[in-house]
Amino acid sequence: MFTKTEIKWGIIFSAMGLIWLTLEYLVGLHDRFIAWHPILTNLVAIPSVIIMVLAILEKRRVLGGIITFGQAFLCGLGVSIVVAVLSPITQFIFHRLINPGYFENAIRYGVAQGKTTLDNAQALFNLQSYMIQSVLAAVIIGSITSLVIAAMIKKEVELRNI
């Protein structure tokens, strides 16, 4: 399940995630424009899907141009597991070194908008919670994405009656 392909693309995916978070921060989605964050952060799905497609296409190339649905899915799942393993590290790097003020801003915004209580906001917006969420999201969303992409990319040998 874990070949060079899955590990390579899992690292690329994790790096993209860290870059994405940093770009969100730099354009103000973590402070000045935090109201837009819950909407615009979902655009990360675009590079995420592209990376997963590229990973599975590379796996198909490595396998000689033929890949079954199962092989394609396992490749995507492998990438997702690598991302899940690395995600607490990327969360730590971002929230401790790049933008340590994110959680405070998110808590303040959520409470000020009446969207949550202070206790609930503090329970949700903290490093431990985000580490757990990122691991679960990588596995769950990665698995679903892998299923869809595998169904589209599979290329199997046709067996014909002779």
N, C-alpha and C. Protein backbone atom coordinates (compact mmCIF):
# COMPACT_ATOMS: atom_id res chain seq x y z
N MET A 1 0.82 -1.19 0.00
CA MET A 1 0.00 0.00 0.00
C MET A 1 0.87 1.26 0.00
N PHE A 2 2.01 1.23 0.68
CA PHE A 2 2.85 2.41 0.75
C PHE A 2 4.10 2.21 -0.10
N THR A 3 4.03 2.70 -1.31
CA THR A 3 5.20 2.68 -2.18
C THR A 3 5.72 4.11 -2.27
N LYS A 4 6.77 4.28 -3.06
CA LYS A 4 7.32 5.62 -3.25
C LYS A 4 6.25 6.59 -3.74
N THR A 5 5.35 6.10 -4.58
CA THR A 5 4.31 6.97 -5.15
C THR A 5 3.42 7.55 -4.06
N GLU A 6 2.89 6.70 -3.19
CA GLU A 6 1.98 7.17 -2.14
C GLU A 6 2.70 8.10 -1.16
N ILE A 7 3.92 7.75 -0.81
CA ILE A 7 4.68 8.58 0.14
C ILE A 7 5.01 9.93 -0.49
N LYS A 8 5.49 9.91 -1.73
CA LYS A 8 5.82 11.16 -2.43
C LYS A 8 4.62 12.09 -2.51
N TRP A 9 3.48 11.56 -2.96
CA TRP A 9 2.31 12.41 -3.14
C TRP A 9 1.67 12.80 -1.81
N GLY A 10 1.83 11.98 -0.80
CA GLY A 10 1.36 12.36 0.54
C GLY A 10 2.15 13.54 1.08
N ILE A 11 3.46 13.53 0.83
CA ILE A 11 4.30 14.65 1.26
C ILE A 11 3.95 15.91 0.46
N ILE A 12 3.76 15.75 -0.85
CA ILE A 12 3.38 16.89 -1.70
C ILE A 12 2.05 17.47 -1.22
N PHE A 13 1.09 16.59 -0.94
CA PHE A 13 -0.23 17.02 -0.48
C PHE A 13 -0.11 17.79 0.84
N SER A 14 0.68 17.27 1.76
CA SER A 14 0.86 17.92 3.06
C SER A 14 1.52 19.29 2.91
N ALA A 15 2.51 19.37 2.02
CA ALA A 15 3.17 20.65 1.76
C ALA A 15 2.18 21.65 1.17
N MET A 16 1.34 21.18 0.25
CA MET A 16 0.31 22.05 -0.33
C MET A 16 -0.62 22.55 0.77
N GLY A 17 -1.00 21.69 1.69
CA GLY A 17 -1.89 22.09 2.78
C GLY A 17 -1.27 23.19 3.64
N LEU A 18 0.00 23.05 3.93
CA LEU A 18 0.69 24.07 4.72
C LEU A 18 0.81 25.38 3.95
N ILE A 19 1.10 25.28 2.67
CA ILE A 19 1.16 26.48 1.82
C ILE A 19 -0.21 27.14 1.74
N TRP A 20 -1.26 26.32 1.61
CA TRP A 20 -2.63 26.86 1.54
C TRP A 20 -2.98 27.63 2.81
N LEU A 21 -2.70 27.03 3.96
CA LEU A 21 -2.97 27.71 5.23
C LEU A 21 -2.22 29.03 5.32
N THR A 22 -0.98 29.01 4.87
CA THR A 22 -0.16 30.22 4.91
C THR A 22 -0.73 31.30 3.98
N LEU A 23 -1.19 30.90 2.80
CA LEU A 23 -1.81 31.86 1.88
C LEU A 23 -3.10 32.43 2.47
N GLU A 24 -3.90 31.58 3.11
CA GLU A 24 -5.11 32.08 3.78
C GLU A 24 -4.73 33.16 4.80
N TYR A 25 -3.71 32.88 5.56
CA TYR A 25 -3.24 33.82 6.58
C TYR A 25 -2.75 35.12 5.94
N LEU A 26 -1.95 35.00 4.89
CA LEU A 26 -1.36 36.19 4.26
C LEU A 26 -2.40 37.10 3.60
N VAL A 27 -3.49 36.51 3.09
CA VAL A 27 -4.53 37.35 2.45
C VAL A 27 -5.56 37.84 3.47
N GLY A 28 -5.42 37.46 4.73
CA GLY A 28 -6.28 38.00 5.77
C GLY A 28 -7.48 37.16 6.14
N LEU A 29 -7.55 35.92 5.66
CA LEU A 29 -8.71 35.08 6.00
C LEU A 29 -8.69 34.60 7.45
N HIS A 30 -7.61 34.85 8.16
CA HIS A 30 -7.52 34.44 9.56
C HIS A 30 -7.69 35.61 10.51
N ASP A 31 -7.89 36.80 9.95
CA ASP A 31 -8.13 37.96 10.82
C ASP A 31 -9.07 38.96 10.14
N ARG A 32 -8.57 39.85 9.29
CA ARG A 32 -9.42 40.90 8.69
C ARG A 32 -10.65 40.36 7.96
N PHE A 33 -10.47 39.29 7.23
CA PHE A 33 -11.56 38.73 6.42
C PHE A 33 -12.01 37.37 6.94
N ILE A 34 -11.96 37.19 8.25
CA ILE A 34 -12.27 35.89 8.85
C ILE A 34 -13.71 35.45 8.55
N ALA A 35 -14.60 36.38 8.29
CA ALA A 35 -15.98 36.02 7.96
C ALA A 35 -16.04 35.21 6.66
N TRP A 36 -15.09 35.42 5.78
CA TRP A 36 -15.05 34.69 4.51
C TRP A 36 -14.34 33.33 4.64
N HIS A 37 -13.62 33.13 5.71
CA HIS A 37 -12.82 31.91 5.86
C HIS A 37 -13.63 30.62 5.73
N PRO A 38 -14.77 30.48 6.42
CA PRO A 38 -15.50 29.20 6.32
C PRO A 38 -15.93 28.86 4.89
N ILE A 39 -16.08 29.87 4.05
CA ILE A 39 -16.48 29.62 2.66
C ILE A 39 -15.25 29.38 1.79
N LEU A 40 -14.31 30.31 1.81
CA LEU A 40 -13.18 30.25 0.90
C LEU A 40 -12.19 29.14 1.21
N THR A 41 -12.13 28.69 2.45
CA THR A 41 -11.21 27.62 2.79
C THR A 41 -11.54 26.33 2.04
N ASN A 42 -12.80 26.17 1.64
CA ASN A 42 -13.21 24.98 0.90
C ASN A 42 -12.62 24.89 -0.50
N LEU A 43 -12.09 26.01 -1.00
CA LEU A 43 -11.43 25.98 -2.31
C LEU A 43 -10.18 25.11 -2.31
N VAL A 44 -9.70 24.74 -1.13
CA VAL A 44 -8.56 23.83 -1.05
C VAL A 44 -8.89 22.48 -1.70
N ALA A 45 -10.17 22.21 -1.90
CA ALA A 45 -10.57 20.97 -2.57
C ALA A 45 -10.01 20.89 -3.98
N ILE A 46 -9.86 22.03 -4.64
CA ILE A 46 -9.37 22.02 -6.03
C ILE A 46 -7.94 21.47 -6.12
N PRO A 47 -6.96 22.07 -5.43
CA PRO A 47 -5.62 21.48 -5.51
C PRO A 47 -5.56 20.09 -4.87
N SER A 48 -6.41 19.82 -3.90
CA SER A 48 -6.43 18.50 -3.27
C SER A 48 -6.81 17.42 -4.28
N VAL A 49 -7.86 17.66 -5.04
CA VAL A 49 -8.29 16.68 -6.04
C VAL A 49 -7.24 16.55 -7.14
N ILE A 50 -6.67 17.66 -7.56
CA ILE A 50 -5.63 17.61 -8.60
C ILE A 50 -4.46 16.76 -8.14
N ILE A 51 -4.02 16.95 -6.91
CA ILE A 51 -2.90 16.16 -6.39
C ILE A 51 -3.26 14.68 -6.34
N MET A 52 -4.47 14.35 -5.89
CA MET A 52 -4.88 12.95 -5.81
C MET A 52 -4.95 12.33 -7.21
N VAL A 53 -5.47 13.07 -8.18
CA VAL A 53 -5.53 12.57 -9.56
C VAL A 53 -4.11 12.32 -10.07
N LEU A 54 -3.21 13.26 -9.85
CA LEU A 54 -1.83 13.09 -10.31
C LEU A 54 -1.17 11.89 -9.65
N ALA A 55 -1.45 11.67 -8.38
CA ALA A 55 -0.88 10.51 -7.67
C ALA A 55 -1.36 9.21 -8.29
N ILE A 56 -2.65 9.11 -8.53
CA ILE A 56 -3.21 7.87 -9.08
C ILE A 56 -2.78 7.68 -10.54
N LEU A 57 -2.68 8.76 -11.30
CA LEU A 57 -2.17 8.65 -12.67
C LEU A 57 -0.72 8.18 -12.69
N GLU A 58 0.08 8.68 -11.74
CA GLU A 58 1.46 8.21 -11.66
C GLU A 58 1.50 6.73 -11.31
N LYS A 59 0.65 6.31 -10.39
CA LYS A 59 0.59 4.90 -10.01
C LYS A 59 0.23 4.05 -11.24
N ARG A 60 -0.74 4.53 -12.03
CA ARG A 60 -1.13 3.80 -13.25
C ARG A 60 0.06 3.69 -14.20
N ARG A 61 0.82 4.78 -14.35
CA ARG A 61 2.00 4.76 -15.22
C ARG A 61 3.03 3.76 -14.70
N VAL A 62 3.27 3.78 -13.39
CA VAL A 62 4.22 2.85 -12.78
C VAL A 62 3.80 1.40 -13.00
N LEU A 63 2.49 1.17 -13.02
CA LEU A 63 1.97 -0.19 -13.22
C LEU A 63 1.85 -0.56 -14.70
N GLY A 64 2.44 0.22 -15.57
CA GLY A 64 2.45 -0.11 -16.99
C GLY A 64 1.22 0.37 -17.76
N GLY A 65 0.53 1.35 -17.24
CA GLY A 65 -0.62 1.91 -17.94
C GLY A 65 -1.95 1.24 -17.62
N ILE A 66 -1.92 0.22 -16.80
CA ILE A 66 -3.14 -0.50 -16.41
C ILE A 66 -3.28 -0.39 -14.89
N ILE A 67 -4.48 -0.02 -14.44
CA ILE A 67 -4.73 0.05 -13.00
C ILE A 67 -6.18 -0.33 -12.75
N THR A 68 -6.38 -1.22 -11.81
CA THR A 68 -7.74 -1.62 -11.46
C THR A 68 -8.35 -0.58 -10.52
N PHE A 69 -9.64 -0.68 -10.34
CA PHE A 69 -10.31 0.20 -9.39
C PHE A 69 -9.69 0.05 -8.01
N GLY A 70 -9.47 -1.20 -7.60
CA GLY A 70 -8.90 -1.47 -6.27
C GLY A 70 -7.51 -0.89 -6.11
N GLN A 71 -6.67 -1.05 -7.14
CA GLN A 71 -5.32 -0.49 -7.07
C GLN A 71 -5.35 1.03 -6.99
N ALA A 72 -6.23 1.64 -7.79
CA ALA A 72 -6.34 3.10 -7.78
C ALA A 72 -6.85 3.59 -6.42
N PHE A 73 -7.85 2.90 -5.89
CA PHE A 73 -8.38 3.29 -4.58
C PHE A 73 -7.32 3.14 -3.49
N LEU A 74 -6.59 2.03 -3.50
CA LEU A 74 -5.56 1.82 -2.48
C LEU A 74 -4.44 2.85 -2.58
N CYS A 75 -4.13 3.27 -3.80
CA CYS A 75 -3.14 4.34 -3.96
C CYS A 75 -3.64 5.62 -3.30
N GLY A 76 -4.87 6.00 -3.61
CA GLY A 76 -5.45 7.20 -3.00
C GLY A 76 -5.54 7.09 -1.49
N LEU A 77 -5.92 5.91 -1.01
CA LEU A 77 -6.00 5.69 0.43
C LEU A 77 -4.61 5.79 1.06
N GLY A 78 -3.60 5.26 0.38
CA GLY A 78 -2.23 5.36 0.87
C GLY A 78 -1.78 6.80 0.99
N VAL A 79 -2.07 7.60 -0.04
CA VAL A 79 -1.75 9.03 0.01
C VAL A 79 -2.46 9.67 1.20
N SER A 80 -3.73 9.33 1.37
CA SER A 80 -4.53 9.90 2.47
C SER A 80 -3.96 9.54 3.83
N ILE A 81 -3.48 8.33 3.98
CA ILE A 81 -2.91 7.90 5.26
C ILE A 81 -1.60 8.64 5.53
N VAL A 82 -0.78 8.81 4.50
CA VAL A 82 0.45 9.59 4.68
C VAL A 82 0.10 11.02 5.11
N VAL A 83 -0.90 11.62 4.46
CA VAL A 83 -1.35 12.97 4.83
C VAL A 83 -1.85 12.97 6.28
N ALA A 84 -2.61 11.95 6.66
CA ALA A 84 -3.13 11.87 8.03
C ALA A 84 -2.00 11.80 9.05
N VAL A 85 -0.96 11.05 8.74
CA VAL A 85 0.18 10.93 9.65
C VAL A 85 0.92 12.27 9.76
N LEU A 86 1.04 12.99 8.65
CA LEU A 86 1.77 14.25 8.64
C LEU A 86 0.94 15.45 9.11
N SER A 87 -0.38 15.32 9.09
CA SER A 87 -1.22 16.49 9.37
C SER A 87 -1.05 17.09 10.77
N PRO A 88 -0.84 16.31 11.82
CA PRO A 88 -0.59 16.98 13.11
C PRO A 88 0.69 17.83 13.09
N ILE A 89 1.67 17.37 12.33
CA ILE A 89 2.92 18.13 12.22
C ILE A 89 2.67 19.44 11.47
N THR A 90 1.92 19.37 10.36
CA THR A 90 1.65 20.60 9.61
C THR A 90 0.79 21.56 10.43
N GLN A 91 -0.17 21.01 11.19
CA GLN A 91 -0.98 21.87 12.05
C GLN A 91 -0.11 22.54 13.11
N PHE A 92 0.80 21.79 13.71
CA PHE A 92 1.69 22.35 14.72
C PHE A 92 2.54 23.47 14.12
N ILE A 93 3.16 23.19 12.98
CA ILE A 93 4.01 24.19 12.33
C ILE A 93 3.23 25.47 12.06
N PHE A 94 2.03 25.31 11.50
CA PHE A 94 1.26 26.50 11.15
C PHE A 94 0.80 27.26 12.38
N HIS A 95 0.18 26.57 13.31
CA HIS A 95 -0.46 27.26 14.44
C HIS A 95 0.51 27.69 15.54
N ARG A 96 1.70 27.13 15.56
CA ARG A 96 2.68 27.55 16.57
C ARG A 96 3.72 28.50 15.99
N LEU A 97 4.08 28.31 14.71
CA LEU A 97 5.18 29.09 14.15
C LEU A 97 4.74 30.17 13.16
N ILE A 98 3.73 29.90 12.36
CA ILE A 98 3.34 30.84 11.30
C ILE A 98 2.23 31.78 11.77
N ASN A 99 1.17 31.24 12.35
CA ASN A 99 0.06 32.08 12.80
C ASN A 99 -0.47 31.63 14.16
N PRO A 100 0.25 31.95 15.21
CA PRO A 100 -0.20 31.54 16.54
C PRO A 100 -1.47 32.25 17.01
N GLY A 101 -1.91 33.29 16.32
CA GLY A 101 -3.11 34.02 16.72
C GLY A 101 -4.41 33.53 16.12
N TYR A 102 -4.34 32.49 15.27
CA TYR A 102 -5.55 32.04 14.57
C TYR A 102 -6.66 31.63 15.53
N PHE A 103 -6.36 30.79 16.50
CA PHE A 103 -7.41 30.28 17.38
C PHE A 103 -8.08 31.40 18.16
N GLU A 104 -7.29 32.33 18.64
CA GLU A 104 -7.85 33.48 19.38
C GLU A 104 -8.80 34.27 18.47
N ASN A 105 -8.40 34.50 17.23
CA ASN A 105 -9.25 35.23 16.28
C ASN A 105 -10.53 34.47 15.98
N ALA A 106 -10.42 33.16 15.77
CA ALA A 106 -11.59 32.34 15.45
C ALA A 106 -12.56 32.30 16.63
N ILE A 107 -12.04 32.18 17.83
CA ILE A 107 -12.89 32.17 19.03
C ILE A 107 -13.61 33.51 19.17
N ARG A 108 -12.85 34.58 19.05
CA ARG A 108 -13.43 35.92 19.19
C ARG A 108 -14.52 36.15 18.13
N TYR A 109 -14.26 35.77 16.89
CA TYR A 109 -15.23 35.97 15.81
C TYR A 109 -16.49 35.14 16.04
N GLY A 110 -16.33 33.86 16.36
CA GLY A 110 -17.49 32.98 16.56
C GLY A 110 -18.40 33.47 17.68
N VAL A 111 -17.80 33.89 18.77
CA VAL A 111 -18.59 34.38 19.92
C VAL A 111 -19.24 35.72 19.58
N ALA A 112 -18.49 36.63 18.95
CA ALA A 112 -19.02 37.96 18.60
C ALA A 112 -20.20 37.86 17.64
N GLN A 113 -20.18 36.88 16.76
CA GLN A 113 -21.26 36.70 15.80
C GLN A 113 -22.44 35.95 16.39
N GLY A 114 -22.31 35.48 17.62
CA GLY A 114 -23.38 34.72 18.25
C GLY A 114 -23.53 33.32 17.68
N LYS A 115 -22.49 32.83 17.02
CA LYS A 115 -22.54 31.51 16.40
C LYS A 115 -22.23 30.39 17.38
N THR A 116 -21.63 30.74 18.50
CA THR A 116 -21.25 29.73 19.49
C THR A 116 -21.00 30.41 20.84
N THR A 117 -20.91 29.59 21.86
CA THR A 117 -20.55 30.11 23.18
C THR A 117 -19.03 30.12 23.30
N LEU A 118 -18.53 30.83 24.29
CA LEU A 118 -17.10 30.88 24.52
C LEU A 118 -16.55 29.48 24.80
N ASP A 119 -17.24 28.72 25.64
CA ASP A 119 -16.77 27.37 25.98
C ASP A 119 -16.71 26.47 24.74
N ASN A 120 -17.76 26.51 23.93
CA ASN A 120 -17.77 25.69 22.71
C ASN A 120 -16.69 26.12 21.73
N ALA A 121 -16.51 27.42 21.59
CA ALA A 121 -15.48 27.93 20.68
C ALA A 121 -14.09 27.50 21.15
N GLN A 122 -13.85 27.58 22.46
CA GLN A 122 -12.55 27.18 22.98
C GLN A 122 -12.31 25.68 22.82
N ALA A 123 -13.37 24.90 22.90
CA ALA A 123 -13.25 23.45 22.71
C ALA A 123 -12.95 23.10 21.25
N LEU A 124 -13.47 23.89 20.33
CA LEU A 124 -13.29 23.62 18.91
C LEU A 124 -12.00 24.22 18.37
N PHE A 125 -11.71 25.45 18.73
CA PHE A 125 -10.58 26.17 18.14
C PHE A 125 -9.36 26.09 19.05
N ASN A 126 -8.67 24.97 18.97
CA ASN A 126 -7.41 24.78 19.69
C ASN A 126 -6.58 23.76 18.93
N LEU A 127 -5.30 23.72 19.22
CA LEU A 127 -4.38 22.89 18.45
C LEU A 127 -4.74 21.41 18.52
N GLN A 128 -5.05 20.90 19.70
CA GLN A 128 -5.38 19.48 19.82
C GLN A 128 -6.61 19.12 18.98
N SER A 129 -7.63 19.94 19.04
CA SER A 129 -8.84 19.71 18.26
C SER A 129 -8.53 19.72 16.76
N TYR A 130 -7.75 20.69 16.32
CA TYR A 130 -7.42 20.78 14.90
C TYR A 130 -6.54 19.61 14.45
N MET A 131 -5.66 19.14 15.31
CA MET A 131 -4.84 17.97 14.96
C MET A 131 -5.74 16.75 14.75
N ILE A 132 -6.68 16.54 15.66
CA ILE A 132 -7.60 15.41 15.55
C ILE A 132 -8.47 15.56 14.31
N GLN A 133 -9.03 16.74 14.11
CA GLN A 133 -9.87 16.98 12.94
C GLN A 133 -9.11 16.75 11.63
N SER A 134 -7.85 17.17 11.59
CA SER A 134 -7.08 17.04 10.35
C SER A 134 -6.78 15.58 10.04
N VAL A 135 -6.51 14.77 11.06
CA VAL A 135 -6.28 13.34 10.84
C VAL A 135 -7.55 12.68 10.32
N LEU A 136 -8.67 12.93 11.00
CA LEU A 136 -9.94 12.33 10.59
C LEU A 136 -10.35 12.79 9.20
N ALA A 137 -10.21 14.07 8.91
CA ALA A 137 -10.58 14.60 7.59
C ALA A 137 -9.72 13.98 6.50
N ALA A 138 -8.43 13.83 6.76
CA ALA A 138 -7.54 13.24 5.75
C ALA A 138 -7.99 11.83 5.40
N VAL A 139 -8.33 11.04 6.39
CA VAL A 139 -8.73 9.65 6.13
C VAL A 139 -10.13 9.58 5.51
N ILE A 140 -11.09 10.28 6.09
CA ILE A 140 -12.48 10.18 5.61
C ILE A 140 -12.65 10.84 4.24
N ILE A 141 -12.26 12.10 4.13
CA ILE A 141 -12.43 12.80 2.85
C ILE A 141 -11.49 12.20 1.80
N GLY A 142 -10.30 11.82 2.22
CA GLY A 142 -9.36 11.18 1.29
C GLY A 142 -9.90 9.87 0.75
N SER A 143 -10.55 9.08 1.58
CA SER A 143 -11.13 7.81 1.13
C SER A 143 -12.25 8.04 0.12
N ILE A 144 -13.12 8.98 0.42
CA ILE A 144 -14.24 9.28 -0.49
C ILE A 144 -13.70 9.81 -1.82
N THR A 145 -12.76 10.73 -1.75
CA THR A 145 -12.17 11.28 -2.97
C THR A 145 -11.48 10.18 -3.77
N SER A 146 -10.78 9.30 -3.09
CA SER A 146 -10.09 8.19 -3.76
C SER A 146 -11.07 7.27 -4.47
N LEU A 147 -12.21 7.00 -3.85
CA LEU A 147 -13.23 6.16 -4.49
C LEU A 147 -13.71 6.78 -5.80
N VAL A 148 -14.00 8.06 -5.77
CA VAL A 148 -14.52 8.75 -6.96
C VAL A 148 -13.45 8.79 -8.06
N ILE A 149 -12.24 9.17 -7.70
CA ILE A 149 -11.17 9.27 -8.69
C ILE A 149 -10.82 7.90 -9.24
N ALA A 150 -10.78 6.89 -8.37
CA ALA A 150 -10.47 5.53 -8.82
C ALA A 150 -11.49 5.05 -9.85
N ALA A 151 -12.75 5.38 -9.65
CA ALA A 151 -13.79 4.98 -10.60
C ALA A 151 -13.58 5.65 -11.95
N MET A 152 -13.04 6.85 -11.95
CA MET A 152 -12.85 7.57 -13.21
C MET A 152 -11.54 7.19 -13.90
N ILE A 153 -10.51 6.85 -13.14
CA ILE A 153 -9.18 6.65 -13.71
C ILE A 153 -8.86 5.19 -14.01
N LYS A 154 -9.60 4.27 -13.42
CA LYS A 154 -9.26 2.86 -13.62
C LYS A 154 -9.15 2.55 -15.10
N LYS A 155 -8.17 1.74 -15.42
CA LYS A 155 -7.95 1.34 -16.81
C LYS A 155 -7.49 -0.11 -16.76
N GLU A 156 -8.42 -0.99 -17.03
CA GLU A 156 -8.15 -2.41 -16.90
C GLU A 156 -8.03 -3.05 -18.27
N VAL A 157 -7.39 -4.19 -18.28
CA VAL A 157 -7.26 -4.98 -19.51
C VAL A 157 -8.61 -5.59 -19.82
N GLU A 158 -9.03 -5.48 -21.07
CA GLU A 158 -10.29 -6.10 -21.46
C GLU A 158 -10.05 -7.57 -21.76
N LEU A 159 -10.87 -8.41 -21.19
CA LEU A 159 -10.80 -9.84 -21.48
C LEU A 159 -11.83 -10.16 -22.54
N ARG A 160 -11.38 -10.76 -23.62
CA ARG A 160 -12.29 -11.08 -24.72
C ARG A 160 -12.35 -12.58 -24.92
N ASN A 161 -13.51 -13.02 -25.28
CA ASN A 161 -13.67 -14.44 -25.59
C ASN A 161 -13.01 -14.72 -26.94
N ILE A 162 -12.18 -15.72 -26.96
CA ILE A 162 -11.50 -16.07 -28.22
C ILE A 162 -12.05 -17.36 -28.75
